[in-house]
């Protein structure tokens, strides 16, 4: 039976992929932070563990526990757990940016480094990272999250090249808007870290606040997490997995525009999306 660690499995993409992979015959080791989310996964027969990317001890414990159960083997890792810190770059406290990177970059790096030696010993493995179209084409007021995804793109693409010939494949999934709780979860970080009342962007923040409170944007082009699962499945099972999986129509349009338009025109166009 193939084995995989899926992080951020409490809701959205992680929750869907966890259950879909289990139904397909994978032995899934899923992670969440809240006890009630861990319990919900266990009710569905999934082996669930506590993980907070900002806590090195929880990463170490997760890997040790999984390897103990598998006899020291692991076929795949899906780094997915993350959050989005909204706010204009000029309003973003350094501490908030640092915490964003702890959760979205440094924790991913820590977990990945711990499983690579396992995969090297066994001669195979799949490392799949849920990035974002914002890691390729940034948007206003998403600076912290976009920066973290740009960092993941650079870091893991270097690893992808360094692991060639090892039997370990690295893939990045870059979704556009997908139905999830990332927008509503971001509301907490927005209220905690952004001084919107004293910002020159106060008016723009009012519109953003309404969007966050409503759970994010709504669009017929905003599919469910099954589109990410389809890309993940290919990255895990294909003999030749892609380095990049651009998922959803808006994401594909964004990539095309980035290739075709002059940079100044592209960024003016993206600025209107604020």
Protein backbone atom coordinates (compact mmCIF):
# COMPACT_ATOMS: atom_id res chain seq x y z
CA UNK A 1 0.00 0.00 0.00
CA UNK A 2 1.35 3.42 -0.97
CA UNK A 3 1.90 5.86 1.91
CA UNK A 4 1.59 9.64 1.94
CA UNK A 5 1.63 12.52 4.41
CA UNK A 6 -0.99 15.20 3.65
CA UNK A 7 -0.77 18.39 5.69
CA UNK A 8 -3.52 20.93 6.30
CA UNK A 9 -6.25 18.29 6.14
CA UNK A 10 -8.80 20.03 8.35
CA UNK A 11 -10.74 21.58 5.46
CA UNK A 12 -10.67 22.55 1.79
CA UNK A 13 -8.02 21.06 -0.47
CA UNK A 14 -6.32 19.02 2.24
CA UNK A 15 -9.52 17.49 3.58
CA UNK A 16 -10.75 16.56 0.11
CA UNK A 17 -7.45 15.10 -1.07
CA UNK A 18 -7.01 13.12 2.13
CA UNK A 19 -10.33 11.33 1.77
CA UNK A 20 -10.00 10.90 -2.00
CA UNK A 21 -6.55 9.33 -1.69
CA UNK A 22 -7.75 7.00 1.03
CA UNK A 23 -10.64 5.90 -1.19
CA UNK A 24 -8.10 5.20 -3.93
CA UNK A 25 -6.16 2.84 -1.69
CA UNK A 26 -3.47 5.07 -0.22
CA UNK A 27 -2.49 4.87 3.43
CA UNK A 28 -2.86 8.53 4.34
CA UNK A 29 -1.25 10.20 7.32
CA UNK A 30 -3.14 13.49 7.61
CA UNK A 31 -2.36 16.48 9.80
CA UNK A 32 -4.35 19.26 11.45
CA UNK A 33 -3.88 21.65 14.34
CA UNK A 34 -7.21 21.56 16.17
CA UNK A 35 -8.20 18.49 18.22
CA UNK A 36 -11.72 18.51 16.76
CA UNK A 37 -10.32 18.39 13.21
CA UNK A 38 -8.01 15.51 14.11
CA UNK A 39 -10.97 13.68 15.65
CA UNK A 40 -13.08 14.23 12.50
CA UNK A 41 -10.35 12.67 10.36
CA UNK A 42 -10.06 9.70 12.71
CA UNK A 43 -13.81 9.13 12.56
CA UNK A 44 -13.35 8.59 8.81
CA UNK A 45 -10.69 5.99 9.48
CA UNK A 46 -7.74 8.25 8.66
CA UNK A 47 -4.53 8.21 10.68
CA UNK A 48 -4.36 11.80 11.89
CA UNK A 49 -1.65 13.75 13.71
CA UNK A 50 -1.11 17.18 15.18
CA UNK A 51 1.14 19.45 13.12
CA UNK A 52 1.86 23.15 13.30
CA UNK A 53 4.52 24.15 10.79
CA UNK A 54 5.67 26.86 13.18
CA UNK A 55 6.58 24.25 15.80
CA UNK A 56 9.70 22.26 14.96
CA UNK A 57 8.86 19.71 17.64
CA UNK A 58 5.55 18.85 16.01
CA UNK A 59 7.28 18.27 12.66
CA UNK A 60 9.85 16.00 14.26
CA UNK A 61 7.17 14.05 16.14
CA UNK A 62 5.03 13.65 13.01
CA UNK A 63 7.85 12.18 10.93
CA UNK A 64 9.00 9.85 13.72
CA UNK A 65 5.43 8.60 14.31
CA UNK A 66 4.74 7.99 10.63
CA UNK A 67 8.01 6.17 10.01
CA UNK A 68 7.43 4.01 13.08
CA UNK A 69 4.09 2.92 11.62
CA UNK A 70 5.45 2.29 8.11
CA UNK A 71 8.67 0.56 9.04
CA UNK A 72 10.77 3.50 7.92
CA UNK A 73 9.25 4.02 4.46
CA UNK A 74 7.27 6.84 2.86
CA UNK A 75 6.15 7.12 -0.74
CA UNK A 76 4.94 10.71 -0.90
CA UNK A 77 4.52 14.05 0.85
CA UNK A 78 1.88 16.64 -0.01
CA UNK A 79 2.76 19.96 1.59
CA UNK A 80 -0.54 21.79 1.67
CA UNK A 81 -1.17 23.42 5.06
CA UNK A 82 -0.86 27.20 4.90
CA UNK A 83 -2.65 30.45 5.62
CA UNK A 84 -2.88 33.82 3.87
CA UNK A 85 -1.99 37.08 5.62
CA UNK A 86 -3.88 39.89 3.81
CA UNK A 87 -2.76 43.49 3.79
CA UNK A 88 -0.77 46.04 1.81
CA UNK A 89 2.98 45.56 2.01
CA UNK A 90 3.50 48.97 3.62
CA UNK A 91 1.03 48.05 6.39
CA UNK A 92 2.54 44.64 7.03
CA UNK A 93 4.45 44.36 10.33
CA UNK A 94 7.73 42.51 10.03
CA UNK A 95 6.60 40.09 12.73
CA UNK A 96 3.52 39.19 10.67
CA UNK A 97 5.63 38.57 7.56
CA UNK A 98 8.04 36.46 9.60
CA UNK A 99 5.17 34.36 10.96
CA UNK A 100 3.78 33.91 7.44
CA UNK A 101 7.12 32.49 6.33
CA UNK A 102 7.41 30.27 9.40
CA UNK A 103 4.14 28.56 8.48
CA UNK A 104 4.25 28.68 4.68
CA UNK A 105 7.96 28.26 3.92
CA UNK A 106 10.27 27.30 6.77
CA UNK A 107 7.94 24.62 8.12
CA UNK A 108 7.51 23.12 4.65
CA UNK A 109 11.29 23.11 4.22
CA UNK A 110 11.79 21.44 7.60
CA UNK A 111 9.27 18.67 6.90
CA UNK A 112 10.58 18.11 3.36
CA UNK A 113 14.19 17.81 4.51
CA UNK A 114 13.21 15.18 7.07
CA UNK A 115 11.59 12.89 4.49
CA UNK A 116 14.10 13.26 1.65
CA UNK A 117 16.70 10.94 3.28
CA UNK A 118 13.98 8.29 3.66
CA UNK A 119 13.11 8.55 -0.02
CA UNK A 120 16.78 8.49 -1.04
CA UNK A 121 17.34 5.25 0.87
CA UNK A 122 14.37 3.56 -0.76
CA UNK A 123 15.20 4.98 -4.20
CA UNK A 124 11.88 6.66 -4.93
CA UNK A 125 9.42 9.27 -3.69
CA UNK A 126 7.11 12.09 -4.66
CA UNK A 127 7.28 15.58 -3.15
CA UNK A 128 4.25 17.66 -4.11
CA UNK A 129 3.78 21.23 -2.90
CA UNK A 130 0.53 23.16 -3.12
CA UNK A 131 1.77 26.55 -4.27
CA UNK A 132 -0.52 29.15 -5.85
CA UNK A 133 -0.96 31.20 -8.98
CA UNK A 134 0.09 34.05 -6.66
CA UNK A 135 3.52 32.45 -6.61
CA UNK A 136 3.72 33.25 -10.32
CA UNK A 137 1.59 36.38 -10.71
CA UNK A 138 1.17 38.54 -7.55
CA UNK A 139 -1.89 40.61 -6.71
CA UNK A 140 -2.25 43.73 -4.54
CA UNK A 141 -2.82 43.23 -0.81
CA UNK A 142 -1.56 39.63 -0.98
CA UNK A 143 2.10 40.51 -0.52
CA UNK A 144 2.89 38.24 2.42
CA UNK A 145 1.16 35.18 0.98
CA UNK A 146 2.46 35.84 -2.53
CA UNK A 147 6.02 36.24 -1.21
CA UNK A 148 5.76 32.94 0.65
CA UNK A 149 4.59 31.16 -2.50
CA UNK A 150 7.32 32.77 -4.61
CA UNK A 151 9.78 31.45 -2.03
CA UNK A 152 8.33 27.94 -2.25
CA UNK A 153 8.54 28.07 -6.05
CA UNK A 154 12.22 29.00 -6.00
CA UNK A 155 13.21 26.68 -3.18
CA UNK A 156 11.47 23.58 -4.44
CA UNK A 157 12.37 24.07 -8.10
CA UNK A 158 16.03 24.11 -7.05
CA UNK A 159 15.40 20.87 -5.16
CA UNK A 160 13.63 19.44 -8.22
CA UNK A 161 16.84 19.88 -10.19
CA UNK A 162 19.09 18.66 -7.38
CA UNK A 163 17.11 15.43 -7.02
CA UNK A 164 17.22 14.44 -10.68
CA UNK A 165 18.43 10.87 -11.03
CA UNK A 166 17.52 9.99 -7.42
CA UNK A 167 14.09 8.55 -8.18
CA UNK A 168 12.48 11.39 -6.23
CA UNK A 169 10.21 13.74 -8.17
CA UNK A 170 9.19 17.26 -7.15
CA UNK A 171 6.01 18.93 -8.38
CA UNK A 172 4.30 22.25 -7.69
CA UNK A 173 0.53 22.65 -7.98
CA UNK A 174 -0.45 26.27 -8.67
CA UNK A 175 -4.20 26.71 -8.17
CA UNK A 176 -6.14 29.83 -8.87
CA UNK A 177 -9.34 30.45 -6.86
CA UNK A 178 -10.63 27.19 -5.38
CA UNK A 179 -13.44 26.72 -2.88
CA UNK A 180 -11.81 26.57 0.56
CA UNK A 181 -11.62 28.39 3.90
CA UNK A 182 -8.38 30.22 3.16
CA UNK A 183 -10.16 33.57 2.75
CA UNK A 184 -12.28 33.29 5.90
CA UNK A 185 -9.27 32.01 7.84
CA UNK A 186 -7.27 34.99 6.60
CA UNK A 187 -9.76 37.34 8.24
CA UNK A 188 -8.31 36.51 11.66
CA UNK A 189 -4.80 37.48 10.55
CA UNK A 190 -6.04 40.62 8.83
CA UNK A 191 -7.78 41.86 11.98
CA UNK A 192 -4.85 40.89 14.18
CA UNK A 193 -1.99 42.43 12.23
CA UNK A 194 -3.24 45.23 9.96
CA UNK A 195 -3.99 48.70 11.32
CA UNK A 196 -6.65 49.41 8.75
CA UNK A 197 -8.10 52.46 10.54
CA UNK A 198 -4.85 54.43 10.15
CA UNK A 199 -3.89 53.18 6.71
CA UNK A 200 -3.95 55.11 3.44
CA UNK A 201 -5.63 51.96 2.08
CA UNK A 202 -8.53 52.18 4.51
CA UNK A 203 -11.19 52.44 1.80
CA UNK A 204 -9.80 49.46 -0.11
CA UNK A 205 -9.67 47.50 3.14
CA UNK A 206 -13.39 48.06 3.71
CA UNK A 207 -14.17 46.22 0.46
CA UNK A 208 -11.67 43.49 1.29
CA UNK A 209 -13.13 43.05 4.74
CA UNK A 210 -16.58 42.46 3.26
CA UNK A 211 -15.11 39.89 0.87
CA UNK A 212 -13.24 38.07 3.62
CA UNK A 213 -16.29 38.02 5.86
CA UNK A 214 -18.26 36.50 2.97
CA UNK A 215 -15.66 33.72 2.61
CA UNK A 216 -13.84 35.10 -0.42
CA UNK A 217 -14.79 35.74 -4.01
CA UNK A 218 -17.59 33.89 -5.75
CA UNK A 219 -17.43 32.89 -9.39
CA UNK A 220 -18.60 30.16 -11.69
CA UNK A 221 -14.90 29.79 -12.54
CA UNK A 222 -14.13 28.89 -8.92
CA UNK A 223 -14.23 25.09 -8.76
CA UNK A 224 -14.01 22.77 -5.80
CA UNK A 225 -10.86 21.08 -4.49
CA UNK A 226 -11.36 18.11 -6.78
CA UNK A 227 -9.38 19.97 -9.46
CA UNK A 228 -6.35 20.03 -7.18
CA UNK A 229 -6.82 16.35 -6.40
CA UNK A 230 -6.73 15.55 -10.12
CA UNK A 231 -3.37 17.32 -10.46
CA UNK A 232 -2.08 15.71 -7.27
CA UNK A 233 -3.05 12.27 -8.51
CA UNK A 234 -1.08 12.78 -11.71
CA UNK A 235 1.93 14.10 -9.79
CA UNK A 236 1.85 11.03 -7.54
CA UNK A 237 1.25 8.31 -10.12
CA UNK A 238 2.60 9.44 -13.47
CA UNK A 239 5.90 8.02 -14.67
CA UNK A 240 6.77 11.55 -15.75
CA UNK A 241 5.14 13.99 -13.33
CA UNK A 242 5.17 17.65 -14.31
CA UNK A 243 7.21 20.22 -12.38
CA UNK A 244 4.20 22.58 -12.64
CA UNK A 245 0.44 21.99 -12.55
CA UNK A 246 -1.44 25.23 -13.20
CA UNK A 247 -4.99 24.58 -12.00
CA UNK A 248 -8.24 26.50 -12.76
CA UNK A 249 -9.09 28.74 -15.70
CA UNK A 250 -8.11 32.06 -14.02
CA UNK A 251 -4.70 30.62 -13.15
CA UNK A 252 -4.10 29.49 -16.72
CA UNK A 253 -5.17 32.89 -18.03
CA UNK A 254 -2.76 34.52 -15.58
CA UNK A 255 0.15 32.43 -16.84
CA UNK A 256 -0.70 33.21 -20.47
CA UNK A 257 -0.93 36.95 -19.77
CA UNK A 258 2.39 36.88 -17.95
CA UNK A 259 4.02 35.36 -21.01
CA UNK A 260 2.35 37.63 -23.56
CA UNK A 261 2.05 41.08 -22.01
CA UNK A 262 4.76 43.61 -21.26
CA UNK A 263 5.43 43.68 -17.51
CA UNK A 264 4.14 47.22 -17.00
CA UNK A 265 0.86 46.41 -18.73
CA UNK A 266 0.50 43.13 -16.82
CA UNK A 267 0.94 44.77 -13.43
CA UNK A 268 -1.52 47.56 -14.27
CA UNK A 269 -4.04 44.88 -15.19
CA UNK A 270 -3.42 42.89 -12.01
CA UNK A 271 -3.67 46.05 -9.89
CA UNK A 272 -7.27 46.43 -10.98
CA UNK A 273 -8.05 43.07 -9.37
CA UNK A 274 -7.58 44.57 -5.90
